[in-house]
Amino acid sequence: MARLLVVHHTPSPAVHAMHLRVLEGARHPEISGVEVVSAAALTASPVAALEADGYLLGSPANLGYLSGALKHFFDTIYYPCLEETKGRPYGVYLHGNDDCTGALQAVETITTGLGWKPTQAPVVVTGRPSTKDLDQCWELGAASAAALS
């Protein structure tokens, strides 16, 4: 069975709501053969990353940059996963009050270094997430899981 690892840092109501919709999409009953594992960024381990076949990454954009928690995840897994996870698919969802440009750039730079491949367009939301934004999160989750089934 394929494994989708959803690594998240969800301190705010907005990014938490996005995370829940991502999980709903990824765990849709019509998608079979995929185990969806959700892990907080501060506790997700290199072993969890190595055991996954694909990744969904969720973070707030703090002052326009990636959260320290998701950066910590990347720092922890980078060298153990550098060769072993090349080519694996990933998706990302970000929330910021004003700007997410630096956070998205950081994710893209780090995942490029890891050799991961984006399989879906990122979901980037500024301000309060709308119903459409949350639907895009659901679609991101479903498409990411379906790509592994």
Protein backbone atom coordinates (compact mmCIF):
# COMPACT_ATOMS: atom_id res chain seq x y z
CA MET A 1 0.00 0.00 0.00
CA ALA A 2 1.28 3.48 -0.87
CA ARG A 3 1.72 6.02 1.90
CA LEU A 4 1.01 9.75 1.72
CA LEU A 5 2.67 11.70 4.52
CA VAL A 6 0.91 14.96 5.38
CA VAL A 7 3.37 17.11 7.33
CA HIS A 8 1.76 20.18 8.83
CA HIS A 9 2.14 23.08 11.20
CA THR A 10 -1.36 24.27 12.06
CA PRO A 11 -1.24 26.90 14.81
CA SER A 12 -3.94 29.16 13.38
CA PRO A 13 -7.62 28.46 12.70
CA ALA A 14 -7.13 29.25 9.00
CA VAL A 15 -4.30 26.82 8.31
CA HIS A 16 -5.97 24.22 10.53
CA ALA A 17 -9.15 24.44 8.43
CA MET A 18 -7.05 24.03 5.28
CA HIS A 19 -5.33 21.00 6.80
CA LEU A 20 -8.64 19.33 7.65
CA ARG A 21 -9.89 19.79 4.08
CA VAL A 22 -6.63 18.37 2.68
CA LEU A 23 -7.09 15.28 4.85
CA GLU A 24 -10.75 14.93 3.81
CA GLY A 25 -9.74 14.94 0.17
CA ALA A 26 -6.82 12.57 0.65
CA ARG A 27 -9.01 10.12 2.60
CA HIS A 28 -11.90 10.14 0.13
CA PRO A 29 -13.48 6.66 0.16
CA GLU A 30 -13.18 6.29 -3.62
CA ILE A 31 -9.37 6.44 -3.36
CA SER A 32 -8.01 3.02 -2.52
CA GLY A 33 -4.59 1.62 -1.84
CA VAL A 34 -3.25 4.72 -0.09
CA GLU A 35 -2.59 5.12 3.60
CA VAL A 36 -2.75 8.77 4.66
CA VAL A 37 -0.51 9.59 7.62
CA SER A 38 -0.74 13.01 9.24
CA ALA A 39 2.26 14.20 11.26
CA ALA A 40 2.96 17.47 13.02
CA ALA A 41 6.04 19.11 11.54
CA LEU A 42 7.87 19.20 14.87
CA THR A 43 7.47 15.45 15.39
CA ALA A 44 7.65 14.06 11.84
CA SER A 45 10.79 11.95 11.58
CA PRO A 46 13.22 10.97 8.86
CA VAL A 47 11.85 7.41 9.17
CA ALA A 48 8.32 8.68 8.45
CA ALA A 49 9.62 10.57 5.43
CA LEU A 50 11.57 7.55 4.16
CA GLU A 51 8.51 5.30 4.53
CA ALA A 52 6.29 7.66 2.53
CA ASP A 53 5.74 7.49 -1.21
CA GLY A 54 4.55 11.10 -1.47
CA TYR A 55 4.14 14.21 0.66
CA LEU A 56 1.72 17.02 1.38
CA LEU A 57 3.21 19.96 3.24
CA GLY A 58 1.17 22.55 5.12
CA SER A 59 2.39 25.70 6.81
CA PRO A 60 1.50 29.22 7.77
CA ALA A 61 3.58 31.97 6.23
CA ASN A 62 4.98 33.86 9.19
CA LEU A 63 6.09 37.33 8.11
CA GLY A 64 6.06 36.01 4.56
CA TYR A 65 8.34 33.02 5.30
CA LEU A 66 7.91 29.32 5.97
CA SER A 67 7.09 28.39 9.56
CA GLY A 68 10.00 27.39 11.75
CA ALA A 69 8.28 24.07 12.42
CA LEU A 70 8.17 23.04 8.75
CA LYS A 71 11.72 24.30 8.28
CA HIS A 72 12.71 22.11 11.26
CA PHE A 73 11.12 19.11 9.52
CA PHE A 74 13.16 19.78 6.40
CA ASP A 75 16.35 20.29 8.44
CA THR A 76 15.73 16.98 10.22
CA ILE A 77 15.03 14.88 7.14
CA TYR A 78 17.28 16.53 4.55
CA TYR A 79 20.40 14.40 4.70
CA PRO A 80 18.75 11.08 5.64
CA CYS A 81 16.31 11.50 2.71
CA LEU A 82 18.54 13.23 0.18
CA GLU A 83 19.29 10.19 -1.98
CA GLU A 84 16.49 7.85 -0.92
CA THR A 85 13.50 10.05 -1.76
CA LYS A 86 14.55 11.62 -5.07
CA GLY A 87 11.71 11.89 -7.54
CA ARG A 88 8.91 11.50 -5.01
CA PRO A 89 5.81 13.65 -5.51
CA TYR A 90 4.75 16.44 -3.21
CA GLY A 91 2.11 19.11 -2.85
CA VAL A 92 1.94 22.17 -0.62
CA TYR A 93 -0.68 24.36 1.01
CA LEU A 94 0.19 27.67 2.66
CA HIS A 95 -1.69 30.36 4.50
CA GLY A 96 -0.60 33.92 5.27
CA ASN A 97 -2.28 37.06 6.44
CA ASP A 98 -0.57 39.17 3.79
CA ASP A 99 2.06 37.38 1.71
CA CYS A 100 3.21 33.80 1.11
CA THR A 101 5.83 34.46 -1.56
CA GLY A 102 8.85 33.74 0.63
CA ALA A 103 7.25 30.63 2.14
CA LEU A 104 6.45 29.16 -1.28
CA GLN A 105 9.93 29.99 -2.55
CA ALA A 106 11.48 28.27 0.48
CA VAL A 107 9.44 25.10 -0.06
CA GLU A 108 10.31 25.06 -3.75
CA THR A 109 14.02 25.56 -3.05
CA ILE A 110 14.19 22.84 -0.40
CA THR A 111 12.14 20.30 -2.36
CA THR A 112 14.23 20.98 -5.45
CA GLY A 113 17.31 20.19 -3.36
CA LEU A 114 15.68 16.95 -2.24
CA GLY A 115 14.75 16.12 -5.82
CA TRP A 116 11.02 15.96 -5.03
CA LYS A 117 8.60 16.74 -7.86
CA PRO A 118 5.49 18.91 -7.51
CA THR A 119 2.47 17.02 -8.76
CA GLN A 120 -0.21 19.62 -8.09
CA ALA A 121 -0.30 23.39 -8.14
CA PRO A 122 0.29 24.81 -4.65
CA VAL A 123 -2.70 26.11 -2.72
CA VAL A 124 -1.72 29.53 -1.41
CA VAL A 125 -4.25 31.52 0.59
CA THR A 126 -3.91 35.00 2.03
CA GLY A 127 -6.51 36.30 4.43
CA ARG A 128 -9.47 34.29 5.58
CA PRO A 129 -9.86 31.07 3.52
CA SER A 130 -12.97 31.14 1.36
CA THR A 131 -15.11 28.14 0.49
CA LYS A 132 -13.32 28.05 -2.87
CA ASP A 133 -9.92 28.04 -1.12
CA LEU A 134 -10.99 25.16 1.12
CA ASP A 135 -12.35 23.28 -1.90
CA GLN A 136 -8.93 23.68 -3.54
CA CYS A 137 -7.39 22.14 -0.42
CA TRP A 138 -9.76 19.19 -0.71
CA GLU A 139 -8.81 18.81 -4.39
CA LEU A 140 -5.09 18.98 -3.51
CA GLY A 141 -5.53 16.18 -0.98
CA ALA A 142 -7.61 14.01 -3.29
CA ALA A 143 -5.34 14.48 -6.30
CA SER A 144 -2.21 13.79 -4.24
CA ALA A 145 -3.62 10.56 -2.85
CA ALA A 146 -5.08 9.47 -6.20
CA ALA A 147 -1.66 9.93 -7.82
CA LEU A 148 -0.30 7.28 -5.46
CA SER A 149 -3.16 4.78 -5.84
